[in-house]
Amino acid sequence: MPIKDKERKKEIDRRYRENNKEQIKESNRVYRQTEKGKKSNRIKLWRKKGVIGDYDKLYEKYVNTDKCEICKSVFKSDFYRCLDHDHETGEFRYVLCRACNNKDAWKNKIKD
């Protein structure tokens, strides 16, 4: 039976979180390792950084790109894969390696 009083519901939820911190933490850790969790976290990061667009399409392109679109070097792991975007408009440009992404940022700083 759902709780109709919002304040009471908040209090019950707060107490549950306090009493189950470790279980919640473990559940979140396990979820982040699933494909759905990885996708969710990646998209959340892109939104935070101001990337705009169809996130499902961007994510598919991101995970299916196996080499840098500039220098063509193969990504050793996800750590080296970056989603490049225009910081003014938020629009996606390329999937790059870290080196090319840093070079591009350097070029933009020189222009300013």
PDB file of N, CA and C in Angstrom:
ATOM      1  N   MET A   1       0.847  -1.178   0.000  1.00  0.00           N
ATOM      2  CA  MET A   1       0.000   0.000   0.000  1.00  0.00           C
ATOM      3  C   MET A   1       0.891   1.239   0.000  1.00  0.00           C
ATOM      4  N   PRO A   2       0.765   2.104  -1.002  1.00  0.00           N
ATOM      5  CA  PRO A   2       1.622   3.294  -1.084  1.00  0.00           C
ATOM      6  C   PRO A   2       1.335   4.286   0.037  1.00  0.00           C
ATOM      7  N   ILE A   3       2.382   4.983   0.426  1.00  0.00           N
ATOM      8  CA  ILE A   3       2.270   5.995   1.479  1.00  0.00           C
ATOM      9  C   ILE A   3       1.908   7.317   0.816  1.00  0.00           C
ATOM     10  N   LYS A   4       0.802   7.913   1.256  1.00  0.00           N
ATOM     11  CA  LYS A   4       0.319   9.143   0.627  1.00  0.00           C
ATOM     12  C   LYS A   4       0.954  10.396   1.217  1.00  0.00           C
ATOM     13  N   ASP A   5       1.326  10.356   2.495  1.00  0.00           N
ATOM     14  CA  ASP A   5       1.935  11.503   3.155  1.00  0.00           C
ATOM     15  C   ASP A   5       3.413  11.600   2.721  1.00  0.00           C
ATOM     16  N   LYS A   6       3.752  12.630   1.970  1.00  0.00           N
ATOM     17  CA  LYS A   6       5.106  12.773   1.415  1.00  0.00           C
ATOM     18  C   LYS A   6       6.170  12.901   2.489  1.00  0.00           C
ATOM     19  N   GLU A   7       5.888  13.639   3.536  1.00  0.00           N
ATOM     20  CA  GLU A   7       6.870  13.815   4.611  1.00  0.00           C
ATOM     21  C   GLU A   7       7.143  12.491   5.321  1.00  0.00           C
ATOM     22  N   ARG A   8       6.099  11.715   5.547  1.00  0.00           N
ATOM     23  CA  ARG A   8       6.267  10.407   6.188  1.00  0.00           C
ATOM     24  C   ARG A   8       7.085   9.488   5.275  1.00  0.00           C
ATOM     25  N   LYS A   9       6.803   9.520   3.987  1.00  0.00           N
ATOM     26  CA  LYS A   9       7.530   8.710   3.007  1.00  0.00           C
ATOM     27  C   LYS A   9       9.015   9.080   3.010  1.00  0.00           C
ATOM     28  N   LYS A  10       9.318  10.380   3.036  1.00  0.00           N
ATOM     29  CA  LYS A  10      10.709  10.843   3.078  1.00  0.00           C
ATOM     30  C   LYS A  10      11.417  10.315   4.320  1.00  0.00           C
ATOM     31  N   GLU A  11      10.732  10.369   5.441  1.00  0.00           N
ATOM     32  CA  GLU A  11      11.320   9.901   6.702  1.00  0.00           C
ATOM     33  C   GLU A  11      11.573   8.394   6.659  1.00  0.00           C
ATOM     34  N   ILE A  12      10.643   7.633   6.145  1.00  0.00           N
ATOM     35  CA  ILE A  12      10.820   6.176   6.022  1.00  0.00           C
ATOM     36  C   ILE A  12      11.989   5.866   5.097  1.00  0.00           C
ATOM     37  N   ASP A  13      12.072   6.565   3.963  1.00  0.00           N
ATOM     38  CA  ASP A  13      13.177   6.361   3.019  1.00  0.00           C
ATOM     39  C   ASP A  13      14.518   6.725   3.654  1.00  0.00           C
ATOM     40  N   ARG A  14      14.556   7.821   4.392  1.00  0.00           N
ATOM     41  CA  ARG A  14      15.789   8.253   5.047  1.00  0.00           C
ATOM     42  C   ARG A  14      16.260   7.194   6.045  1.00  0.00           C
ATOM     43  N   ARG A  15      15.331   6.699   6.859  1.00  0.00           N
ATOM     44  CA  ARG A  15      15.695   5.663   7.838  1.00  0.00           C
ATOM     45  C   ARG A  15      16.173   4.390   7.152  1.00  0.00           C
ATOM     46  N   TYR A  16      15.522   4.020   6.050  1.00  0.00           N
ATOM     47  CA  TYR A  16      15.940   2.833   5.309  1.00  0.00           C
ATOM     48  C   TYR A  16      17.380   3.000   4.808  1.00  0.00           C
ATOM     49  N   ARG A  17      17.683   4.165   4.229  1.00  0.00           N
ATOM     50  CA  ARG A  17      19.043   4.416   3.721  1.00  0.00           C
ATOM     51  C   ARG A  17      20.073   4.385   4.842  1.00  0.00           C
ATOM     52  N   GLU A  18      19.723   4.944   5.988  1.00  0.00           N
ATOM     53  CA  GLU A  18      20.643   4.923   7.138  1.00  0.00           C
ATOM     54  C   GLU A  18      20.918   3.501   7.618  1.00  0.00           C
ATOM     55  N   ASN A  19      19.897   2.681   7.667  1.00  0.00           N
ATOM     56  CA  ASN A  19      20.019   1.318   8.185  1.00  0.00           C
ATOM     57  C   ASN A  19      20.590   0.327   7.178  1.00  0.00           C
ATOM     58  N   ASN A  20      20.641   0.692   5.915  1.00  0.00           N
ATOM     59  CA  ASN A  20      21.077  -0.241   4.876  1.00  0.00           C
ATOM     60  C   ASN A  20      22.185   0.335   3.993  1.00  0.00           C
ATOM     61  N   LYS A  21      23.038   1.173   4.563  1.00  0.00           N
ATOM     62  CA  LYS A  21      24.089   1.838   3.789  1.00  0.00           C
ATOM     63  C   LYS A  21      24.965   0.856   3.024  1.00  0.00           C
ATOM     64  N   GLU A  22      25.434  -0.189   3.692  1.00  0.00           N
ATOM     65  CA  GLU A  22      26.359  -1.136   3.057  1.00  0.00           C
ATOM     66  C   GLU A  22      25.695  -1.911   1.920  1.00  0.00           C
ATOM     67  N   GLN A  23      24.440  -2.350   2.126  1.00  0.00           N
ATOM     68  CA  GLN A  23      23.740  -3.083   1.076  1.00  0.00           C
ATOM     69  C   GLN A  23      23.501  -2.193  -0.147  1.00  0.00           C
ATOM     70  N   ILE A  24      23.130  -0.943   0.094  1.00  0.00           N
ATOM     71  CA  ILE A  24      22.898   0.000  -0.999  1.00  0.00           C
ATOM     72  C   ILE A  24      24.203   0.263  -1.750  1.00  0.00           C
ATOM     73  N   LYS A  25      25.283   0.458  -1.006  1.00  0.00           N
ATOM     74  CA  LYS A  25      26.591   0.711  -1.605  1.00  0.00           C
ATOM     75  C   LYS A  25      27.013  -0.476  -2.483  1.00  0.00           C
ATOM     76  N   GLU A  26      26.846  -1.689  -1.984  1.00  0.00           N
ATOM     77  CA  GLU A  26      27.217  -2.885  -2.737  1.00  0.00           C
ATOM     78  C   GLU A  26      26.334  -3.047  -3.980  1.00  0.00           C
ATOM     79  N   SER A  27      25.052  -2.791  -3.825  1.00  0.00           N
ATOM     80  CA  SER A  27      24.129  -2.885  -4.957  1.00  0.00           C
ATOM     81  C   SER A  27      24.513  -1.898  -6.057  1.00  0.00           C
ATOM     82  N   ASN A  28      24.862  -0.678  -5.668  1.00  0.00           N
ATOM     83  CA  ASN A  28      25.293   0.333  -6.641  1.00  0.00           C
ATOM     84  C   ASN A  28      26.597  -0.069  -7.322  1.00  0.00           C
ATOM     85  N   ARG A  29      27.526  -0.639  -6.567  1.00  0.00           N
ATOM     86  CA  ARG A  29      28.803  -1.077  -7.133  1.00  0.00           C
ATOM     87  C   ARG A  29      28.577  -2.168  -8.179  1.00  0.00           C
ATOM     88  N   VAL A  30      27.722  -3.126  -7.867  1.00  0.00           N
ATOM     89  CA  VAL A  30      27.425  -4.216  -8.793  1.00  0.00           C
ATOM     90  C   VAL A  30      26.732  -3.676 -10.041  1.00  0.00           C
ATOM     91  N   TYR A  31      25.771  -2.762  -9.862  1.00  0.00           N
ATOM     92  CA  TYR A  31      25.042  -2.185 -10.991  1.00  0.00           C
ATOM     93  C   TYR A  31      25.979  -1.445 -11.945  1.00  0.00           C
ATOM     94  N   ARG A  32      26.940  -0.706 -11.400  1.00  0.00           N
ATOM     95  CA  ARG A  32      27.866   0.058 -12.246  1.00  0.00           C
ATOM     96  C   ARG A  32      28.724  -0.838 -13.128  1.00  0.00           C
ATOM     97  N   GLN A  33      28.841  -2.112 -12.790  1.00  0.00           N
ATOM     98  CA  GLN A  33      29.646  -3.036 -13.582  1.00  0.00           C
ATOM     99  C   GLN A  33      28.838  -3.699 -14.697  1.00  0.00           C
ATOM    100  N   THR A  34      27.518  -3.544 -14.697  1.00  0.00           N
ATOM    101  CA  THR A  34      26.689  -4.109 -15.762  1.00  0.00           C
ATOM    102  C   THR A  34      26.742  -3.184 -16.978  1.00  0.00           C
ATOM    103  N   GLU A  35      26.362  -3.697 -18.136  1.00  0.00           N
ATOM    104  CA  GLU A  35      26.349  -2.867 -19.349  1.00  0.00           C
ATOM    105  C   GLU A  35      25.381  -1.692 -19.186  1.00  0.00           C
ATOM    106  N   LYS A  36      24.222  -1.955 -18.606  1.00  0.00           N
ATOM    107  CA  LYS A  36      23.242  -0.891 -18.395  1.00  0.00           C
ATOM    108  C   LYS A  36      23.798   0.176 -17.452  1.00  0.00           C
ATOM    109  N   GLY A  37      24.482  -0.254 -16.404  1.00  0.00           N
ATOM    110  CA  GLY A  37      25.072   0.684 -15.453  1.00  0.00           C
ATOM    111  C   GLY A  37      26.192   1.499 -16.064  1.00  0.00           C
ATOM    112  N   LYS A  38      27.040   0.851 -16.879  1.00  0.00           N
ATOM    113  CA  LYS A  38      28.128   1.566 -17.554  1.00  0.00           C
ATOM    114  C   LYS A  38      27.563   2.630 -18.488  1.00  0.00           C
ATOM    115  N   LYS A  39      26.528   2.252 -19.246  1.00  0.00           N
ATOM    116  CA  LYS A  39      25.903   3.200 -20.168  1.00  0.00           C
ATOM    117  C   LYS A  39      25.301   4.372 -19.400  1.00  0.00           C
ATOM    118  N   SER A  40      24.581   4.076 -18.340  1.00  0.00           N
ATOM    119  CA  SER A  40      23.942   5.108 -17.534  1.00  0.00           C
ATOM    120  C   SER A  40      24.973   6.083 -16.965  1.00  0.00           C
ATOM    121  N   ASN A  41      26.064   5.561 -16.430  1.00  0.00           N
ATOM    122  CA  ASN A  41      27.106   6.419 -15.854  1.00  0.00           C
ATOM    123  C   ASN A  41      27.789   7.268 -16.918  1.00  0.00           C
ATOM    124  N   ARG A  42      28.064   6.686 -18.079  1.00  0.00           N
ATOM    125  CA  ARG A  42      28.720   7.423 -19.162  1.00  0.00           C
ATOM    126  C   ARG A  42      27.842   8.575 -19.631  1.00  0.00           C
ATOM    127  N   ILE A  43      26.560   8.297 -19.854  1.00  0.00           N
ATOM    128  CA  ILE A  43      25.636   9.335 -20.322  1.00  0.00           C
ATOM    129  C   ILE A  43      25.475  10.426 -19.263  1.00  0.00           C
ATOM    130  N   LYS A  44      25.424  10.038 -18.001  1.00  0.00           N
ATOM    131  CA  LYS A  44      25.329  11.026 -16.916  1.00  0.00           C
ATOM    132  C   LYS A  44      26.540  11.959 -16.940  1.00  0.00           C
ATOM    133  N   LEU A  45      27.718  11.423 -17.191  1.00  0.00           N
ATOM    134  CA  LEU A  45      28.934  12.221 -17.283  1.00  0.00           C
ATOM    135  C   LEU A  45      28.861  13.182 -18.469  1.00  0.00           C
ATOM    136  N   TRP A  46      28.399  12.688 -19.622  1.00  0.00           N
ATOM    137  CA  TRP A  46      28.281  13.549 -20.807  1.00  0.00           C
ATOM    138  C   TRP A  46      27.311  14.701 -20.543  1.00  0.00           C
ATOM    139  N   ARG A  47      26.192  14.408 -19.917  1.00  0.00           N
ATOM    140  CA  ARG A  47      25.224  15.470 -19.606  1.00  0.00           C
ATOM    141  C   ARG A  47      25.852  16.512 -18.698  1.00  0.00           C
ATOM    142  N   LYS A  48      26.583  16.044 -17.695  1.00  0.00           N
ATOM    143  CA  LYS A  48      27.240  16.946 -16.747  1.00  0.00           C
ATOM    144  C   LYS A  48      28.240  17.857 -17.464  1.00  0.00           C
ATOM    145  N   LYS A  49      28.909  17.324 -18.495  1.00  0.00           N
ATOM    146  CA  LYS A  49      29.902  18.103 -19.237  1.00  0.00           C
ATOM    147  C   LYS A  49      29.283  18.950 -20.348  1.00  0.00           C
ATOM    148  N   GLY A  50      27.960  18.838 -20.557  1.00  0.00           N
ATOM    149  CA  GLY A  50      27.281  19.700 -21.520  1.00  0.00           C
ATOM    150  C   GLY A  50      27.128  19.130 -22.910  1.00  0.00           C
ATOM    151  N   VAL A  51      27.364  17.832 -23.088  1.00  0.00           N
ATOM    152  CA  VAL A  51      27.176  17.214 -24.405  1.00  0.00           C
ATOM    153  C   VAL A  51      25.676  17.131 -24.682  1.00  0.00           C
ATOM    154  N   ILE A  52      25.278  17.483 -25.915  1.00  0.00           N
ATOM    155  CA  ILE A  52      23.868  17.396 -26.293  1.00  0.00           C
ATOM    156  C   ILE A  52      23.724  16.418 -27.448  1.00  0.00           C
ATOM    157  N   GLY A  53      22.525  15.930 -27.653  1.00  0.00           N
ATOM    158  CA  GLY A  53      22.258  15.029 -28.766  1.00  0.00           C
ATOM    159  C   GLY A  53      21.487  13.807 -28.318  1.00  0.00           C
ATOM    160  N   ASP A  54      21.343  12.857 -29.216  1.00  0.00           N
ATOM    161  CA  ASP A  54      20.664  11.591 -28.922  1.00  0.00           C
ATOM    162  C   ASP A  54      21.673  10.694 -28.216  1.00  0.00           C
ATOM    163  N   TYR A  55      21.538  10.582 -26.901  1.00  0.00           N
ATOM    164  CA  TYR A  55      22.534   9.874 -26.094  1.00  0.00           C
ATOM    165  C   TYR A  55      22.629   8.394 -26.437  1.00  0.00           C
ATOM    166  N   ASP A  56      21.528   7.771 -26.816  1.00  0.00           N
ATOM    167  CA  ASP A  56      21.585   6.353 -27.183  1.00  0.00           C
ATOM    168  C   ASP A  56      22.441   6.160 -28.435  1.00  0.00           C
ATOM    169  N   LYS A  57      22.254   7.009 -29.442  1.00  0.00           N
ATOM    170  CA  LYS A  57      23.063   6.920 -30.668  1.00  0.00           C
ATOM    171  C   LYS A  57      24.529   7.246 -30.385  1.00  0.00           C
ATOM    172  N   LEU A  58      24.758   8.289 -29.573  1.00  0.00           N
ATOM    173  CA  LEU A  58      26.130   8.647 -29.220  1.00  0.00           C
ATOM    174  C   LEU A  58      26.821   7.500 -28.492  1.00  0.00           C
ATOM    175  N   TYR A  59      26.109   6.860 -27.561  1.00  0.00           N
ATOM    176  CA  TYR A  59      26.706   5.763 -26.805  1.00  0.00           C
ATOM    177  C   TYR A  59      27.035   4.587 -27.733  1.00  0.00           C
ATOM    178  N   GLU A  60      26.125   4.267 -28.657  1.00  0.00           N
ATOM    179  CA  GLU A  60      26.391   3.178 -29.604  1.00  0.00           C
ATOM    180  C   GLU A  60      27.636   3.480 -30.437  1.00  0.00           C
ATOM    181  N   LYS A  61      27.746   4.697 -30.920  1.00  0.00           N
ATOM    182  CA  LYS A  61      28.935   5.075 -31.696  1.00  0.00           C
ATOM    183  C   LYS A  61      30.181   4.999 -30.824  1.00  0.00           C
ATOM    184  N   TYR A  62      30.075   5.493 -29.596  1.00  0.00           N
ATOM    185  CA  TYR A  62      31.199   5.512 -28.660  1.00  0.00           C
ATOM    186  C   TYR A  62      31.718   4.098 -28.383  1.00  0.00           C
ATOM    187  N   VAL A  63      30.835   3.160 -28.057  1.00  0.00           N
ATOM    188  CA  VAL A  63      31.293   1.811 -27.698  1.00  0.00           C
ATOM    189  C   VAL A  63      31.703   0.991 -28.914  1.00  0.00           C
ATOM    190  N   ASN A  64      31.182   1.332 -30.086  1.00  0.00           N
ATOM    191  CA  ASN A  64      31.513   0.556 -31.284  1.00  0.00           C
ATOM    192  C   ASN A  64      32.689   1.116 -32.072  1.00  0.00           C
ATOM    193  N   THR A  65      33.223   2.251 -31.660  1.00  0.00           N
ATOM    194  CA  THR A  65      34.402   2.814 -32.306  1.00  0.00           C
ATOM    195  C   THR A  65      35.626   2.222 -31.620  1.00  0.00           C
ATOM    196  N   ASP A  66      36.449   1.509 -32.393  1.00  0.00           N
ATOM    197  CA  ASP A  66      37.587   0.818 -31.778  1.00  0.00           C
ATOM    198  C   ASP A  66      38.923   1.516 -32.021  1.00  0.00           C
ATOM    199  N   LYS A  67      38.916   2.600 -32.824  1.00  0.00           N
ATOM    200  CA  LYS A  67      40.153   3.370 -32.998  1.00  0.00           C
ATOM    201  C   LYS A  67      39.842   4.852 -33.139  1.00  0.00           C
ATOM    202  N   CYS A  68      40.824   5.652 -32.816  1.00  0.00           N
ATOM    203  CA  CYS A  68      40.716   7.106 -32.844  1.00  0.00           C
ATOM    204  C   CYS A  68      40.338   7.575 -34.247  1.00  0.00           C
ATOM    205  N   GLU A  69      39.395   8.489 -34.339  1.00  0.00           N
ATOM    206  CA  GLU A  69      38.955   8.985 -35.642  1.00  0.00           C
ATOM    207  C   GLU A  69      39.929  10.002 -36.245  1.00  0.00           C
ATOM    208  N   ILE A  70      40.946  10.398 -35.505  1.00  0.00           N
ATOM    209  CA  ILE A  70      41.950  11.324 -36.023  1.00  0.00           C
ATOM    210  C   ILE A  70      43.234  10.576 -36.394  1.00  0.00           C
ATOM    211  N   CYS A  71      43.862   9.938 -35.406  1.00  0.00           N
ATOM    212  CA  CYS A  71      45.170   9.295 -35.658  1.00  0.00           C
ATOM    213  C   CYS A  71      45.060   7.799 -35.978  1.00  0.00           C
ATOM    214  N   LYS A  72      43.866   7.238 -35.871  1.00  0.00           N
ATOM    215  CA  LYS A  72      43.594   5.827 -36.197  1.00  0.00           C
ATOM    216  C   LYS A  72      44.270   4.821 -35.269  1.00  0.00           C
ATOM    217  N   SER A  73      44.764   5.238 -34.109  1.00  0.00           N
ATOM    218  CA  SER A  73      45.361   4.278 -33.164  1.00  0.00           C
ATOM    219  C   SER A  73      44.232   3.515 -32.470  1.00  0.00           C
ATOM    220  N   VAL A  74      44.465   2.231 -32.218  1.00  0.00           N
ATOM    221  CA  VAL A  74      43.474   1.360 -31.589  1.00  0.00           C
ATOM    222  C   VAL A  74      43.433   1.656 -30.090  1.00  0.00           C
ATOM    223  N   PHE A  75      42.219   1.732 -29.533  1.00  0.00           N
ATOM    224  CA  PHE A  75      42.061   1.976 -28.100  1.00  0.00           C
ATOM    225  C   PHE A  75      42.473   0.731 -27.325  1.00  0.00           C
ATOM    226  N   LYS A  76      43.383   0.895 -26.363  1.00  0.00           N
ATOM    227  CA  LYS A  76      43.814  -0.221 -25.523  1.00  0.00           C
ATOM    228  C   LYS A  76      42.723  -0.586 -24.519  1.00  0.00           C
ATOM    229  N   SER A  77      41.990   0.412 -24.040  1.00  0.00           N
ATOM    230  CA  SER A  77      40.884   0.201 -23.096  1.00  0.00           C
ATOM    231  C   SER A  77      39.964   1.413 -23.163  1.00  0.00           C
ATOM    232  N   ASP A  78      38.869   1.341 -22.408  1.00  0.00           N
ATOM    233  CA  ASP A  78      37.929   2.466 -22.366  1.00  0.00           C
ATOM    234  C   ASP A  78      38.570   3.727 -21.802  1.00  0.00           C
ATOM    235  N   PHE A  79      39.603   3.572 -20.996  1.00  0.00           N
ATOM    236  CA  PHE A  79      40.286   4.723 -20.404  1.00  0.00           C
ATOM    237  C   PHE A  79      40.824   5.666 -21.484  1.00  0.00           C
ATOM    238  N   TYR A  80      41.245   5.119 -22.616  1.00  0.00           N
ATOM    239  CA  TYR A  80      41.849   5.924 -23.682  1.00  0.00           C
ATOM    240  C   TYR A  80      40.831   6.489 -24.658  1.00  0.00           C
ATOM    241  N   ARG A  81      39.569   6.105 -24.553  1.00  0.00           N
ATOM    242  CA  ARG A  81      38.518   6.540 -25.478  1.00  0.00           C
ATOM    243  C   ARG A  81      37.840   7.782 -24.920  1.00  0.00           C
ATOM    244  N   CYS A  82      37.755   8.853 -25.730  1.00  0.00           N
ATOM    245  CA  CYS A  82      37.141  10.114 -25.304  1.00  0.00           C
ATOM    246  C   CYS A  82      36.086  10.548 -26.309  1.00  0.00           C
ATOM    247  N   LEU A  83      35.019  11.131 -25.821  1.00  0.00           N
ATOM    248  CA  LEU A  83      33.984  11.696 -26.681  1.00  0.00           C
ATOM    249  C   LEU A  83      34.281  13.186 -26.794  1.00  0.00           C
ATOM    250  N   ASP A  84      34.711  13.625 -27.960  1.00  0.00           N
ATOM    251  CA  ASP A  84      35.047  15.031 -28.167  1.00  0.00           C
ATOM    252  C   ASP A  84      33.787  15.806 -28.532  1.00  0.00           C
ATOM    253  N   HIS A  85      33.624  16.991 -27.946  1.00  0.00           N
ATOM    254  CA  HIS A  85      32.470  17.824 -28.244  1.00  0.00           C
ATOM    255  C   HIS A  85      32.861  19.298 -28.204  1.00  0.00           C
ATOM    256  N   ASP A  86      32.073  20.107 -28.880  1.00  0.00           N
ATOM    257  CA  ASP A  86      32.267  21.552 -28.883  1.00  0.00           C
ATOM    258  C   ASP A  86      31.792  22.091 -27.547  1.00  0.00           C
ATOM    259  N   HIS A  87      32.640  22.782 -26.828  1.00  0.00           N
ATOM    260  CA  HIS A  87      32.301  23.254 -25.489  1.00  0.00           C
ATOM    261  C   HIS A  87      31.337  24.433 -25.512  1.00  0.00           C
ATOM    262  N   GLU A  88      31.203  25.099 -26.634  1.00  0.00           N
ATOM    263  CA  GLU A  88      30.260  26.217 -26.726  1.00  0.00           C
ATOM    264  C   GLU A  88      28.858  25.741 -27.074  1.00  0.00           C
ATOM    265  N   THR A  89      28.746  24.827 -28.048  1.00  0.00           N
ATOM    266  CA  THR A  89      27.431  24.357 -28.490  1.00  0.00           C
ATOM    267  C   THR A  89      27.032  23.041 -27.838  1.00  0.00           C
ATOM    268  N   GLY A  90      28.002  22.253 -27.371  1.00  0.00           N
ATOM    269  CA  GLY A  90      27.724  20.953 -26.770  1.00  0.00           C
ATOM    270  C   GLY A  90      27.592  19.836 -27.779  1.00  0.00           C
ATOM    271  N   GLU A  91      27.792  20.128 -29.061  1.00  0.00           N
ATOM    272  CA  GLU A  91      27.602  19.121 -30.104  1.00  0.00           C
ATOM    273  C   GLU A  91      28.798  18.179 -30.198  1.00  0.00           C
ATOM    274  N   PHE A  92      28.481  16.900 -30.409  1.00  0.00           N
ATOM    275  CA  PHE A  92      29.484  15.850 -30.569  1.00  0.00           C
ATOM    276  C   PHE A  92      30.302  16.098 -31.835  1.00  0.00           C
ATOM    277  N   ARG A  93      31.633  15.810 -31.751  1.00  0.00           N
ATOM    278  CA  ARG A  93      32.488  15.903 -32.938  1.00  0.00           C
ATOM    279  C   ARG A  93      33.077  14.547 -33.308  1.00  0.00           C
ATOM    280  N   TYR A  94      33.882  13.959 -32.422  1.00  0.00           N
ATOM    281  CA  TYR A  94      34.595  12.719 -32.739  1.00  0.00           C
ATOM    282  C   TYR A  94      34.712  11.830 -31.503  1.00  0.00           C
ATOM    283  N   VAL A  95      35.055  10.560 -31.757  1.00  0.00           N
ATOM    284  CA  VAL A  95      35.527   9.673 -30.705  1.00  0.00           C
ATOM    285  C   VAL A  95      37.038   9.640 -30.881  1.00  0.00           C
ATOM    286  N   LEU A  96      37.764  10.115 -29.861  1.00  0.00           N
ATOM    287  CA  LEU A  96      39.211  10.291 -29.964  1.00  0.00           C
ATOM    288  C   LEU A  96      39.958   9.517 -28.888  1.00  0.00           C
ATOM    289  N   CYS A  97      41.258   9.343 -29.133  1.00  0.00           N
ATOM    290  CA  CYS A  97      42.133   8.828 -28.079  1.00  0.00           C
ATOM    291  C   CYS A  97      42.473  10.006 -27.152  1.00  0.00           C
ATOM    292  N   ARG A  98      42.985   9.710 -25.991  1.00  0.00           N
ATOM    293  CA  ARG A  98      43.321  10.775 -25.032  1.00  0.00           C
ATOM    294  C   ARG A  98      44.335  11.756 -25.607  1.00  0.00           C
ATOM    295  N   ALA A  99      45.308  11.241 -26.339  1.00  0.00           N
ATOM    296  CA  ALA A  99      46.357  12.112 -26.886  1.00  0.00           C
ATOM    297  C   ALA A  99      45.759  13.130 -27.853  1.00  0.00           C
ATOM    298  N   CYS A 100      44.925  12.667 -28.786  1.00  0.00           N
ATOM    299  CA  CYS A 100      44.315  13.593 -29.751  1.00  0.00           C
ATOM    300  C   CYS A 100      43.338  14.539 -29.066  1.00  0.00           C
ATOM    301  N   ASN A 101      42.628  14.060 -28.067  1.00  0.00           N
ATOM    302  CA  ASN A 101      41.704  14.920 -27.344  1.00  0.00           C
ATOM    303  C   ASN A 101      42.461  16.037 -26.626  1.00  0.00           C
ATOM    304  N   ASN A 102      43.603  15.721 -26.042  1.00  0.00           N
ATOM    305  CA  ASN A 102      44.413  16.746 -25.377  1.00  0.00           C
ATOM    306  C   ASN A 102      45.035  17.708 -26.375  1.00  0.00           C
ATOM    307  N   LYS A 103      45.472  17.206 -27.528  1.00  0.00           N
ATOM    308  CA  LYS A 103      46.026  18.096 -28.563  1.00  0.00           C
ATOM    309  C   LYS A 103      44.966  19.074 -29.031  1.00  0.00           C
ATOM    310  N   ASP A 104      43.728  18.571 -29.226  1.00  0.00           N
ATOM    311  CA  ASP A 104      42.640  19.417 -29.683  1.00  0.00           C
ATOM    312  C   ASP A 104      42.338  20.502 -28.654  1.00  0.00           C
ATOM    313  N   ALA A 105      42.325  20.138 -27.384  1.00  0.00           N
ATOM    314  CA  ALA A 105      42.079  21.124 -26.331  1.00  0.00           C
ATOM    315  C   ALA A 105      43.191  22.171 -26.332  1.00  0.00           C
ATOM    316  N   TRP A 106      44.394  21.730 -26.575  1.00  0.00           N
ATOM    317  CA  TRP A 106      45.547  22.631 -26.638  1.00  0.00           C
ATOM    318  C   TRP A 106      45.366  23.603 -27.787  1.00  0.00           C
ATOM    319  N   LYS A 107      44.928  23.139 -28.954  1.00  0.00           N
ATOM    320  CA  LYS A 107      44.714  24.015 -30.102  1.00  0.00           C
ATOM    321  C   LYS A 107      43.682  25.079 -29.776  1.00  0.00           C
ATOM    322  N   ASN A 108      42.594  24.679 -29.110  1.00  0.00           N
ATOM    323  CA  ASN A 108      41.548  25.626 -28.750  1.00  0.00           C
ATOM    324  C   ASN A 108      42.062  26.693 -27.794  1.00  0.00           C
ATOM    325  N   LYS A 109      42.951  26.338 -26.882  1.00  0.00           N
ATOM    326  CA  LYS A 109      43.508  27.320 -25.942  1.00  0.00           C
ATOM    327  C   LYS A 109      44.392  28.315 -26.669  1.00  0.00           C
ATOM    328  N   ILE A 110      45.120  27.866 -27.680  1.00  0.00           N
ATOM    329  CA  ILE A 110      46.003  28.755 -28.440  1.00  0.00           C
ATOM    330  C   ILE A 110      45.176  29.782 -29.194  1.00  0.00           C
ATOM    331  N   LYS A 111      43.999  29.378 -29.716  1.00  0.00           N
ATOM    332  CA  LYS A 111      43.137  30.281 -30.474  1.00  0.00           C
ATOM    333  C   LYS A 111      42.612  31.432 -29.599  1.00  0.00           C
ATOM    334  N   ASP A 112      42.363  31.134 -28.313  1.00  0.00           N
ATOM    335  CA  ASP A 112      41.797  32.142 -27.399  1.00  0.00           C
ATOM    336  C   ASP A 112      42.746  33.214 -27.077  1.00  0.00           C
TER     337      ASP A 112
END
